[in-house]
Amino acid sequence: MKKKFKGFYLIVSSFVIAILHLPFAFAKSATGTKIFFHPPVDSTTKTTKTAEPVVPALKSIYDSLHLNLKGLSQQAFDFAKQGLQKLIEEGKLLNNSIISIIDFSQPSNQKRLFVLDLENYKVLFNTLVAHGRNTGREWATDFSNQNQSYKSSPGFYMTKETYEGKNGYSLKLEGLERGINDNAFERGIVIHGASYVCNEYVNSQGYIGRSQGCPALPVEINRPIINTIKNGTCLFVYHPSYISRSSVLN
């Protein structure tokens, strides 16, 4: 009798366990795929997330900082953004968080140098900046990459180290565009302070003084600007006439 009862108990138990497992065996997801189905991982196609250059939302910087009201043209900013992205991807820069833009589509009596902190959404500096004496008077119109031309050169640069020279505290520049500004180092094109870059000149003659091709700054803020942008940041000197020849932008 005990053997019969034990056999009956085993049969009933097995039947109950089978019934309980039916929902799991046939369970499906909302898309019709079995919940417990795991496709085999192909090691040859498995991808991992790689680090990409981080470029801030530059368009929102332009809008949020009201750079149009400060005089920076939308076109100059857009080309700066495009070139900065390429230089970052190519590993040309040592510091990606700072960019300086000189907008030579504006006259020299306007504050056409903008130093932007891309990480913290700040305009660090916005000031006057000179162009070369043979580039134009009030407006920058003529450019050159040649020695002794006394003309400015547009395009993308990387800032280098500082030094004390005949114009005081100065910053070396490396031109990154062949045939456009790559002779900058040989020509001695640097950022330095100059007494003729000031509002007094603007008030007396309508435009500031001009350099021998260097982007000269007001003496009183020359040093803090140089210390902010030195050692591997991007400088973009914009003028509409140069864009079609740019190796960075094309």
Protein backbone atom coordinates (compact mmCIF):
# COMPACT_ATOMS: atom_id res chain seq x y z
CA MET A 1 0.00 0.00 0.00
CA LYS A 2 2.83 2.38 0.88
CA LYS A 3 4.58 1.61 -2.42
CA LYS A 4 1.42 2.38 -4.41
CA PHE A 5 0.90 5.65 -2.55
CA LYS A 6 4.54 6.66 -3.09
CA GLY A 7 4.27 5.93 -6.82
CA PHE A 8 1.05 7.92 -7.11
CA TYR A 9 2.68 10.86 -5.25
CA LEU A 10 5.66 10.90 -7.64
CA ILE A 11 3.38 10.91 -10.70
CA VAL A 12 1.26 13.79 -9.35
CA SER A 13 4.35 15.81 -8.33
CA SER A 14 5.94 15.44 -11.75
CA PHE A 15 2.70 16.53 -13.43
CA VAL A 16 2.40 19.63 -11.21
CA ILE A 17 6.04 20.66 -11.80
CA ALA A 18 5.56 20.33 -15.56
CA ILE A 19 2.43 22.50 -15.43
CA LEU A 20 4.27 25.20 -13.44
CA HIS A 21 7.09 25.41 -16.00
CA LEU A 22 4.85 25.80 -19.03
CA PRO A 23 4.46 29.63 -18.79
CA PHE A 24 8.24 30.11 -18.64
CA ALA A 25 8.89 27.80 -21.53
CA PHE A 26 6.52 29.71 -23.81
CA ALA A 27 6.83 33.18 -22.34
CA LYS A 28 7.43 35.89 -24.94
CA SER A 29 8.38 39.51 -24.81
CA ALA A 30 6.20 42.30 -26.12
CA THR A 31 8.02 42.04 -29.47
CA GLY A 32 7.43 38.29 -29.76
CA THR A 33 10.94 37.22 -28.79
CA LYS A 34 11.41 34.56 -26.16
CA ILE A 35 12.41 36.24 -22.91
CA PHE A 36 15.20 33.82 -22.06
CA PHE A 37 16.70 33.66 -25.55
CA HIS A 38 20.27 35.01 -25.63
CA PRO A 39 21.86 35.10 -29.09
CA PRO A 40 25.48 34.02 -29.27
CA VAL A 41 28.04 36.86 -29.10
CA ASP A 42 30.26 37.08 -32.16
CA SER A 43 33.60 38.32 -30.90
CA THR A 44 34.47 39.55 -34.40
CA THR A 45 31.53 41.96 -34.50
CA LYS A 46 31.42 43.02 -30.88
CA THR A 47 31.95 46.77 -30.60
CA THR A 48 33.09 48.85 -27.70
CA LYS A 49 32.39 52.51 -27.11
CA THR A 50 35.52 54.51 -27.88
CA ALA A 51 36.36 57.95 -26.62
CA GLU A 52 35.63 60.70 -29.14
CA PRO A 53 36.77 64.31 -29.08
CA VAL A 54 34.42 66.29 -26.91
CA VAL A 55 33.33 69.52 -28.57
CA PRO A 56 30.87 71.63 -26.63
CA ALA A 57 27.58 72.76 -28.16
CA LEU A 58 29.17 75.77 -29.79
CA LYS A 59 25.94 76.96 -31.39
CA SER A 60 24.35 77.31 -27.98
CA ILE A 61 27.42 79.22 -26.80
CA TYR A 62 26.95 81.73 -29.61
CA ASP A 63 23.30 82.22 -28.69
CA SER A 64 23.58 82.11 -24.91
CA LEU A 65 26.49 84.55 -24.80
CA HIS A 66 24.79 86.90 -27.30
CA LEU A 67 27.94 87.02 -29.39
CA ASN A 68 26.02 88.63 -32.24
CA LEU A 69 25.33 91.64 -30.02
CA LYS A 70 29.03 91.80 -29.12
CA GLY A 71 29.94 92.05 -32.80
CA LEU A 72 31.08 88.53 -33.69
CA SER A 73 29.51 87.50 -36.97
CA GLN A 74 27.62 84.22 -37.17
CA GLN A 75 29.68 83.21 -40.20
CA ALA A 76 32.99 83.79 -38.41
CA PHE A 77 31.81 81.71 -35.46
CA ASP A 78 30.49 78.87 -37.63
CA PHE A 79 33.77 78.55 -39.51
CA ALA A 80 35.69 78.69 -36.23
CA LYS A 81 33.54 75.85 -34.92
CA GLN A 82 34.09 73.78 -38.06
CA GLY A 83 37.85 74.26 -38.04
CA LEU A 84 38.16 73.63 -34.32
CA GLN A 85 36.40 70.28 -34.68
CA LYS A 86 38.81 69.21 -37.42
CA LEU A 87 41.90 70.30 -35.50
CA ILE A 88 40.70 68.42 -32.41
CA GLU A 89 40.08 65.27 -34.46
CA GLU A 90 43.57 65.54 -35.96
CA GLY A 91 45.15 66.03 -32.54
CA LYS A 92 46.70 69.35 -33.54
CA LEU A 93 45.84 71.23 -30.34
CA LEU A 94 47.08 70.84 -26.78
CA ASN A 95 44.17 72.70 -25.16
CA ASN A 96 40.67 72.31 -26.62
CA SER A 97 38.78 74.36 -24.06
CA ILE A 98 39.87 77.83 -25.22
CA ILE A 99 39.42 79.39 -28.66
CA SER A 100 40.35 82.89 -29.82
CA ILE A 101 38.55 84.39 -32.83
CA ILE A 102 39.64 87.55 -34.64
CA ASP A 103 36.84 88.76 -36.89
CA PHE A 104 38.48 90.80 -39.64
CA SER A 105 35.12 91.29 -41.32
CA GLN A 106 34.68 94.03 -38.68
CA PRO A 107 36.48 97.43 -38.81
CA SER A 108 39.43 98.05 -36.50
CA ASN A 109 37.47 100.48 -34.31
CA GLN A 110 35.36 97.52 -33.13
CA LYS A 111 36.32 95.00 -30.45
CA ARG A 112 36.90 92.15 -32.88
CA LEU A 113 39.00 89.76 -30.76
CA PHE A 114 36.97 87.21 -28.78
CA VAL A 115 38.53 84.75 -26.34
CA LEU A 116 35.99 82.09 -25.38
CA ASP A 117 36.01 79.51 -22.60
CA LEU A 118 34.12 76.62 -24.20
CA GLU A 119 33.90 74.52 -21.03
CA ASN A 120 32.41 77.20 -18.80
CA TYR A 121 30.47 79.19 -21.40
CA LYS A 122 32.28 82.48 -20.84
CA VAL A 123 33.60 85.35 -22.92
CA LEU A 124 36.98 85.79 -21.25
CA PHE A 125 38.09 88.76 -23.34
CA ASN A 126 36.57 90.96 -26.04
CA THR A 127 38.87 93.72 -27.17
CA LEU A 128 40.49 95.70 -29.98
CA VAL A 129 43.09 94.03 -32.17
CA ALA A 130 45.26 95.49 -34.93
CA HIS A 131 45.90 94.27 -38.47
CA GLY A 132 48.96 94.87 -40.65
CA ARG A 133 49.67 98.34 -42.06
CA ASN A 134 49.46 97.09 -45.67
CA THR A 135 46.33 95.06 -45.01
CA GLY A 136 44.18 98.18 -44.93
CA ARG A 137 43.41 101.25 -42.91
CA GLU A 138 40.10 100.91 -41.06
CA TRP A 139 39.16 97.65 -42.73
CA ALA A 140 41.34 94.57 -43.31
CA THR A 141 41.18 93.84 -47.03
CA ASP A 142 44.61 92.64 -48.23
CA PHE A 143 46.41 89.61 -46.83
CA SER A 144 49.76 87.93 -47.40
CA ASN A 145 51.93 85.04 -46.23
CA GLN A 146 55.11 86.70 -47.48
CA ASN A 147 57.99 88.10 -45.48
CA GLN A 148 58.27 91.89 -45.26
CA SER A 149 54.76 92.31 -46.67
CA TYR A 150 53.55 94.01 -43.48
CA LYS A 151 50.22 92.31 -44.06
CA SER A 152 48.12 90.10 -41.82
CA SER A 153 47.50 86.43 -42.59
CA PRO A 154 44.07 84.84 -42.01
CA GLY A 155 43.33 81.24 -41.03
CA PHE A 156 43.91 78.83 -38.18
CA TYR A 157 46.87 79.03 -35.83
CA MET A 158 48.08 77.19 -32.75
CA THR A 159 49.49 79.33 -29.97
CA LYS A 160 53.02 78.52 -28.82
CA GLU A 161 55.31 79.69 -26.01
CA THR A 162 55.84 83.21 -24.70
CA TYR A 163 58.96 85.36 -24.72
CA GLU A 164 60.17 88.88 -23.98
CA GLY A 165 60.98 90.75 -27.19
CA LYS A 166 61.23 94.26 -28.63
CA ASN A 167 57.47 94.63 -28.13
CA GLY A 168 57.58 93.30 -24.58
CA TYR A 169 55.71 90.19 -23.49
CA SER A 170 54.80 88.31 -26.67
CA LEU A 171 53.28 85.02 -27.83
CA LYS A 172 54.59 82.97 -30.76
CA LEU A 173 52.12 81.59 -33.29
CA GLU A 174 52.26 78.56 -35.58
CA GLY A 175 50.29 78.94 -38.81
CA LEU A 176 48.48 75.71 -39.65
CA GLU A 177 47.46 76.46 -43.24
CA ARG A 178 49.96 75.95 -46.03
CA GLY A 179 50.30 78.89 -48.37
CA ILE A 180 48.04 81.05 -46.19
CA ASN A 181 49.77 81.51 -42.84
CA ASP A 182 52.44 78.81 -42.51
CA ASN A 183 55.21 81.42 -42.78
CA ALA A 184 53.99 83.14 -39.60
CA PHE A 185 56.83 81.86 -37.43
CA GLU A 186 59.48 82.83 -39.99
CA ARG A 187 57.87 86.24 -40.45
CA GLY A 188 57.82 86.87 -36.70
CA ILE A 189 54.02 87.13 -36.58
CA VAL A 190 53.25 87.13 -32.85
CA ILE A 191 50.71 88.49 -30.40
CA HIS A 192 52.06 91.49 -28.49
CA GLY A 193 50.90 94.71 -26.90
CA ALA A 194 51.00 98.07 -28.70
CA SER A 195 50.23 101.60 -27.56
CA TYR A 196 48.42 102.36 -30.84
CA VAL A 197 45.72 99.77 -30.06
CA CYS A 198 43.47 101.92 -27.89
CA ASN A 199 40.28 103.99 -27.82
CA GLU A 200 42.28 107.24 -27.98
CA TYR A 201 43.32 106.38 -31.53
CA VAL A 202 39.74 105.48 -32.41
CA ASN A 203 38.46 108.79 -31.01
CA SER A 204 41.08 110.84 -32.85
CA GLN A 205 41.14 109.17 -36.28
CA GLY A 206 38.26 106.67 -36.40
CA TYR A 207 40.49 103.56 -36.44
CA ILE A 208 43.36 102.13 -34.41
CA GLY A 209 47.01 102.02 -35.41
CA ARG A 210 48.38 99.17 -37.50
CA SER A 211 51.16 96.63 -37.01
CA GLN A 212 53.70 94.97 -39.28
CA GLY A 213 51.31 92.05 -39.64
CA CYS A 214 50.93 90.99 -36.01
CA PRO A 215 47.58 90.83 -34.19
CA ALA A 216 48.62 93.51 -31.68
CA LEU A 217 46.55 94.07 -28.52
CA PRO A 218 46.01 96.88 -26.00
CA VAL A 219 49.03 97.04 -23.70
CA GLU A 220 47.02 96.91 -20.47
CA ILE A 221 45.44 93.51 -21.21
CA ASN A 222 48.12 91.99 -23.43
CA ARG A 223 49.70 89.88 -20.68
CA PRO A 224 46.50 88.37 -19.19
CA ILE A 225 45.24 87.47 -22.68
CA ILE A 226 48.53 85.84 -23.64
CA ASN A 227 48.65 83.88 -20.38
CA THR A 228 45.12 82.61 -21.03
CA ILE A 229 45.64 81.42 -24.60
CA LYS A 230 49.30 80.33 -24.67
CA ASN A 231 50.62 76.79 -25.14
CA GLY A 232 48.45 75.01 -27.67
CA THR A 233 45.08 76.74 -28.03
CA CYS A 234 43.35 77.58 -31.29
CA LEU A 235 43.44 81.07 -32.82
CA PHE A 236 41.22 81.70 -35.85
CA VAL A 237 41.68 84.86 -37.92
CA TYR A 238 38.57 85.22 -40.06
CA HIS A 239 37.94 87.08 -43.29
CA PRO A 240 35.37 86.05 -45.93
CA SER A 241 37.86 86.27 -48.81
CA TYR A 242 40.03 83.49 -47.39
CA ILE A 243 37.44 80.75 -46.83
CA SER A 244 37.54 79.12 -50.27
CA ARG A 245 41.35 78.67 -50.00
CA SER A 246 41.39 77.20 -46.51
CA SER A 247 42.88 73.71 -46.18
CA VAL A 248 41.24 73.31 -42.76
CA LEU A 249 37.74 74.29 -43.89
CA ASN A 250 37.78 72.52 -47.25
